[in-house]
Amino acid sequence: MRVIRKYANRRLYDTQQSRYVTLEDLRRLILDEEPFRVEDAKSGEDLTRTILLSIIIEQEQADGEAEVFSNDLLAQFIRVYDMAQPLPLARYLEQGTQLMLEQQKRMQDQWQQAMRHSPMELMREMAEENMRFWQQAIGKGQPGKPESKEEKGENDDK
């Protein structure tokens, strides 16, 4: 795991690349799904969570249209911290976010697969499937019903 050290002057140092990095650099690591740990250069304390929150704050402030958290939602988060028995909010959010990301990836994969075919090839495949459907419908009287062994001329006396 990549180790990032945070110094007293608030600078972040990537020990793997031997260079100073920014929150934007760390955001790119997250997007590339590259794990890292941020630690205090002096004490070794894990500061990863604090840095991740800083990245979220920077994202929220960067572009008003890209806001993920409304003021009402943020206020509700604060209220959860003050509850006598906090809800399992973290687990719920993690599972919900994971599900959303998986669905988004599946849709992107399906879209890319659909785009691999030329429009003409896609139309040809659809026409062939439509033709098979109607041939089956006309020949058997019931669209979509698979042929039985008797209709195919097969029998079990082999």
C-alpha atoms as a PDB file:
ATOM      1  CA  MET A   1       0.000   0.000   0.000  1.00  0.00           C
ATOM      2  CA  ARG A   2       1.258   3.432  -0.913  1.00  0.00           C
ATOM      3  CA  VAL A   3       2.160   5.621   2.067  1.00  0.00           C
ATOM      4  CA  ILE A   4       1.612   9.374   1.994  1.00  0.00           C
ATOM      5  CA  ARG A   5       3.173  11.411   4.771  1.00  0.00           C
ATOM      6  CA  LYS A   6       1.627  14.638   5.980  1.00  0.00           C
ATOM      7  CA  TYR A   7       4.082  17.146   7.392  1.00  0.00           C
ATOM      8  CA  ALA A   8       3.488  19.929   9.918  1.00  0.00           C
ATOM      9  CA  ASN A   9       3.457  22.467   7.070  1.00  0.00           C
ATOM     10  CA  ARG A  10       0.405  20.538   5.714  1.00  0.00           C
ATOM     11  CA  ARG A  11       2.285  19.261   2.673  1.00  0.00           C
ATOM     12  CA  LEU A  12       1.695  15.698   1.531  1.00  0.00           C
ATOM     13  CA  TYR A  13       4.642  13.552   0.465  1.00  0.00           C
ATOM     14  CA  ASP A  14       4.264  10.374  -1.606  1.00  0.00           C
ATOM     15  CA  THR A  15       6.942   7.990  -0.335  1.00  0.00           C
ATOM     16  CA  GLN A  16       6.573   5.700  -3.364  1.00  0.00           C
ATOM     17  CA  GLN A  17       7.185   8.417  -5.957  1.00  0.00           C
ATOM     18  CA  SER A  18       9.429  10.543  -3.722  1.00  0.00           C
ATOM     19  CA  ARG A  19       7.553  13.749  -4.449  1.00  0.00           C
ATOM     20  CA  TYR A  20       5.037  16.117  -2.918  1.00  0.00           C
ATOM     21  CA  VAL A  21       1.428  15.560  -3.954  1.00  0.00           C
ATOM     22  CA  THR A  22      -1.823  17.494  -3.784  1.00  0.00           C
ATOM     23  CA  LEU A  23      -5.333  16.484  -2.819  1.00  0.00           C
ATOM     24  CA  GLU A  24      -6.059  16.319  -6.549  1.00  0.00           C
ATOM     25  CA  ASP A  25      -3.258  13.761  -6.972  1.00  0.00           C
ATOM     26  CA  LEU A  26      -4.789  11.675  -4.192  1.00  0.00           C
ATOM     27  CA  ARG A  27      -8.230  11.999  -5.798  1.00  0.00           C
ATOM     28  CA  ARG A  28      -6.757  10.539  -8.995  1.00  0.00           C
ATOM     29  CA  LEU A  29      -5.325   7.626  -7.003  1.00  0.00           C
ATOM     30  CA  ILE A  30      -8.811   6.983  -5.639  1.00  0.00           C
ATOM     31  CA  LEU A  31     -10.321   7.076  -9.131  1.00  0.00           C
ATOM     32  CA  ASP A  32      -7.638   4.612 -10.259  1.00  0.00           C
ATOM     33  CA  GLU A  33      -8.575   2.437  -7.264  1.00  0.00           C
ATOM     34  CA  GLU A  34      -5.024   2.560  -5.949  1.00  0.00           C
ATOM     35  CA  PRO A  35      -5.024   2.138  -2.164  1.00  0.00           C
ATOM     36  CA  PHE A  36      -3.037   4.503   0.014  1.00  0.00           C
ATOM     37  CA  ARG A  37      -2.627   5.454   3.643  1.00  0.00           C
ATOM     38  CA  VAL A  38      -1.949   8.980   4.868  1.00  0.00           C
ATOM     39  CA  GLU A  39       0.030   9.217   8.077  1.00  0.00           C
ATOM     40  CA  ASP A  40       1.414  12.012  10.203  1.00  0.00           C
ATOM     41  CA  ALA A  41       5.123  12.312   9.422  1.00  0.00           C
ATOM     42  CA  LYS A  42       6.053  12.769  13.078  1.00  0.00           C
ATOM     43  CA  SER A  43       3.699  10.480  15.032  1.00  0.00           C
ATOM     44  CA  GLY A  44       2.702   7.944  12.351  1.00  0.00           C
ATOM     45  CA  GLU A  45      -0.978   8.527  13.212  1.00  0.00           C
ATOM     46  CA  ASP A  46      -3.388   7.453  10.465  1.00  0.00           C
ATOM     47  CA  LEU A  47      -4.836  10.608   8.858  1.00  0.00           C
ATOM     48  CA  THR A  48      -6.421   8.908   5.839  1.00  0.00           C
ATOM     49  CA  ARG A  49     -10.006   9.605   6.918  1.00  0.00           C
ATOM     50  CA  THR A  50      -9.295  13.306   7.467  1.00  0.00           C
ATOM     51  CA  ILE A  51      -7.662  13.602   4.049  1.00  0.00           C
ATOM     52  CA  LEU A  52     -10.554  11.766   2.362  1.00  0.00           C
ATOM     53  CA  LEU A  53     -12.986  14.201   3.978  1.00  0.00           C
ATOM     54  CA  SER A  54     -10.822  17.087   2.730  1.00  0.00           C
ATOM     55  CA  ILE A  55     -11.017  15.690  -0.803  1.00  0.00           C
ATOM     56  CA  ILE A  56     -14.815  15.495  -0.539  1.00  0.00           C
ATOM     57  CA  ILE A  57     -14.975  19.089   0.727  1.00  0.00           C
ATOM     58  CA  GLU A  58     -12.782  20.232  -2.158  1.00  0.00           C
ATOM     59  CA  GLN A  59     -15.023  18.393  -4.642  1.00  0.00           C
ATOM     60  CA  GLU A  60     -18.182  19.882  -3.140  1.00  0.00           C
ATOM     61  CA  GLN A  61     -16.763  23.411  -3.342  1.00  0.00           C
ATOM     62  CA  ALA A  62     -15.182  23.048  -6.783  1.00  0.00           C
ATOM     63  CA  ASP A  63     -18.331  23.214  -8.862  1.00  0.00           C
ATOM     64  CA  GLY A  64     -21.778  24.138  -7.588  1.00  0.00           C
ATOM     65  CA  GLU A  65     -23.430  21.800 -10.092  1.00  0.00           C
ATOM     66  CA  ALA A  66     -21.497  18.740  -8.905  1.00  0.00           C
ATOM     67  CA  GLU A  67     -22.759  18.877  -5.328  1.00  0.00           C
ATOM     68  CA  VAL A  68     -23.517  15.454  -3.926  1.00  0.00           C
ATOM     69  CA  PHE A  69     -24.511  16.537  -0.425  1.00  0.00           C
ATOM     70  CA  SER A  70     -27.268  19.103   0.047  1.00  0.00           C
ATOM     71  CA  ASN A  71     -27.305  21.335   3.126  1.00  0.00           C
ATOM     72  CA  ASP A  72     -30.261  19.344   4.476  1.00  0.00           C
ATOM     73  CA  LEU A  73     -28.420  16.048   4.053  1.00  0.00           C
ATOM     74  CA  LEU A  74     -25.311  17.403   5.779  1.00  0.00           C
ATOM     75  CA  ALA A  75     -27.463  18.646   8.674  1.00  0.00           C
ATOM     76  CA  GLN A  76     -29.032  15.185   8.944  1.00  0.00           C
ATOM     77  CA  PHE A  77     -25.561  13.614   9.092  1.00  0.00           C
ATOM     78  CA  ILE A  78     -24.696  15.907  11.994  1.00  0.00           C
ATOM     79  CA  ARG A  79     -27.901  14.889  13.793  1.00  0.00           C
ATOM     80  CA  VAL A  80     -26.993  11.202  13.422  1.00  0.00           C
ATOM     81  CA  TYR A  81     -23.799  11.820  15.412  1.00  0.00           C
ATOM     82  CA  ASP A  82     -25.871  13.207  18.281  1.00  0.00           C
ATOM     83  CA  MET A  83     -28.328  10.299  18.528  1.00  0.00           C
ATOM     84  CA  ALA A  84     -28.296   8.110  21.654  1.00  0.00           C
ATOM     85  CA  GLN A  85     -28.107   5.030  19.430  1.00  0.00           C
ATOM     86  CA  PRO A  86     -26.741   6.033  16.029  1.00  0.00           C
ATOM     87  CA  LEU A  87     -28.261   4.338  13.034  1.00  0.00           C
ATOM     88  CA  PRO A  88     -26.042   1.992  11.036  1.00  0.00           C
ATOM     89  CA  LEU A  89     -25.759   4.828   8.536  1.00  0.00           C
ATOM     90  CA  ALA A  90     -22.201   4.119   7.432  1.00  0.00           C
ATOM     91  CA  ARG A  91     -22.999   0.526   6.454  1.00  0.00           C
ATOM     92  CA  TYR A  92     -26.176   1.584   4.661  1.00  0.00           C
ATOM     93  CA  LEU A  93     -24.343   4.304   2.703  1.00  0.00           C
ATOM     94  CA  GLU A  94     -21.456   1.977   1.823  1.00  0.00           C
ATOM     95  CA  GLN A  95     -23.779  -0.751   0.541  1.00  0.00           C
ATOM     96  CA  GLY A  96     -25.990   1.689  -1.345  1.00  0.00           C
ATOM     97  CA  THR A  97     -23.032   3.424  -2.958  1.00  0.00           C
ATOM     98  CA  GLN A  98     -21.426   0.101  -3.895  1.00  0.00           C
ATOM     99  CA  LEU A  99     -24.676  -1.073  -5.498  1.00  0.00           C
ATOM    100  CA  MET A 100     -25.020   2.183  -7.431  1.00  0.00           C
ATOM    101  CA  LEU A 101     -21.417   1.965  -8.712  1.00  0.00           C
ATOM    102  CA  GLU A 102     -21.870  -1.678  -9.766  1.00  0.00           C
ATOM    103  CA  GLN A 103     -25.065  -0.830 -11.655  1.00  0.00           C
ATOM    104  CA  GLN A 104     -23.383   2.126 -13.334  1.00  0.00           C
ATOM    105  CA  LYS A 105     -20.463  -0.078 -14.422  1.00  0.00           C
ATOM    106  CA  ARG A 106     -22.846  -2.727 -15.799  1.00  0.00           C
ATOM    107  CA  MET A 107     -24.705  -0.084 -17.800  1.00  0.00           C
ATOM    108  CA  GLN A 108     -21.429   1.308 -19.170  1.00  0.00           C
ATOM    109  CA  ASP A 109     -20.291  -2.206 -20.125  1.00  0.00           C
ATOM    110  CA  GLN A 110     -23.602  -2.919 -21.869  1.00  0.00           C
ATOM    111  CA  TRP A 111     -23.449   0.408 -23.698  1.00  0.00           C
ATOM    112  CA  GLN A 112     -19.886  -0.268 -24.858  1.00  0.00           C
ATOM    113  CA  GLN A 113     -20.888  -3.740 -26.017  1.00  0.00           C
ATOM    114  CA  ALA A 114     -23.833  -2.298 -27.940  1.00  0.00           C
ATOM    115  CA  MET A 115     -21.573   0.314 -29.547  1.00  0.00           C
ATOM    116  CA  ARG A 116     -19.170  -2.360 -30.818  1.00  0.00           C
ATOM    117  CA  HIS A 117     -21.737  -3.351 -33.411  1.00  0.00           C
ATOM    118  CA  SER A 118     -22.321  -1.100 -36.356  1.00  0.00           C
ATOM    119  CA  PRO A 119     -25.880   0.209 -36.691  1.00  0.00           C
ATOM    120  CA  MET A 120     -26.337  -1.855 -39.857  1.00  0.00           C
ATOM    121  CA  GLU A 121     -25.175  -5.045 -38.139  1.00  0.00           C
ATOM    122  CA  LEU A 122     -27.495  -4.357 -35.232  1.00  0.00           C
ATOM    123  CA  MET A 123     -30.421  -3.796 -37.635  1.00  0.00           C
ATOM    124  CA  ARG A 124     -29.556  -7.019 -39.503  1.00  0.00           C
ATOM    125  CA  GLU A 125     -29.515  -9.018 -36.247  1.00  0.00           C
ATOM    126  CA  MET A 126     -32.843  -7.517 -35.204  1.00  0.00           C
ATOM    127  CA  ALA A 127     -34.362  -8.283 -38.617  1.00  0.00           C
ATOM    128  CA  GLU A 128     -33.152 -11.896 -38.472  1.00  0.00           C
ATOM    129  CA  GLU A 129     -34.568 -12.337 -34.988  1.00  0.00           C
ATOM    130  CA  ASN A 130     -37.857 -10.790 -36.105  1.00  0.00           C
ATOM    131  CA  MET A 131     -37.957 -13.105 -39.154  1.00  0.00           C
ATOM    132  CA  ARG A 132     -37.384 -16.201 -36.968  1.00  0.00           C
ATOM    133  CA  PHE A 133     -40.157 -15.071 -34.650  1.00  0.00           C
ATOM    134  CA  TRP A 134     -42.673 -14.647 -37.495  1.00  0.00           C
ATOM    135  CA  GLN A 135     -41.664 -17.883 -39.219  1.00  0.00           C
ATOM    136  CA  GLN A 136     -42.241 -19.694 -35.971  1.00  0.00           C
ATOM    137  CA  ALA A 137     -45.534 -17.861 -35.436  1.00  0.00           C
ATOM    138  CA  ILE A 138     -46.838 -18.690 -38.910  1.00  0.00           C
ATOM    139  CA  GLY A 139     -45.566 -22.265 -38.886  1.00  0.00           C
ATOM    140  CA  LYS A 140     -46.770 -23.244 -35.420  1.00  0.00           C
ATOM    141  CA  GLY A 141     -49.547 -20.825 -34.687  1.00  0.00           C
ATOM    142  CA  GLN A 142     -47.989 -19.824 -31.371  1.00  0.00           C
ATOM    143  CA  PRO A 143     -45.193 -17.253 -31.433  1.00  0.00           C
ATOM    144  CA  GLY A 144     -42.269 -17.883 -29.177  1.00  0.00           C
ATOM    145  CA  LYS A 145     -43.229 -21.494 -28.355  1.00  0.00           C
ATOM    146  CA  PRO A 146     -40.341 -23.902 -28.941  1.00  0.00           C
ATOM    147  CA  GLU A 147     -40.982 -26.888 -31.165  1.00  0.00           C
ATOM    148  CA  SER A 148     -41.767 -30.134 -29.418  1.00  0.00           C
ATOM    149  CA  LYS A 149     -39.900 -33.348 -30.301  1.00  0.00           C
ATOM    150  CA  GLU A 150     -42.938 -34.607 -32.252  1.00  0.00           C
ATOM    151  CA  GLU A 151     -43.078 -31.401 -34.296  1.00  0.00           C
ATOM    152  CA  LYS A 152     -39.388 -31.729 -35.129  1.00  0.00           C
ATOM    153  CA  GLY A 153     -39.947 -35.314 -36.283  1.00  0.00           C
ATOM    154  CA  GLU A 154     -38.006 -36.817 -33.409  1.00  0.00           C
ATOM    155  CA  ASN A 155     -39.207 -39.609 -31.181  1.00  0.00           C
ATOM    156  CA  ASP A 156     -37.925 -41.357 -28.097  1.00  0.00           C
ATOM    157  CA  ASP A 157     -37.641 -44.805 -29.775  1.00  0.00           C
ATOM    158  CA  LYS A 158     -33.943 -44.449 -30.590  1.00  0.00           C
END
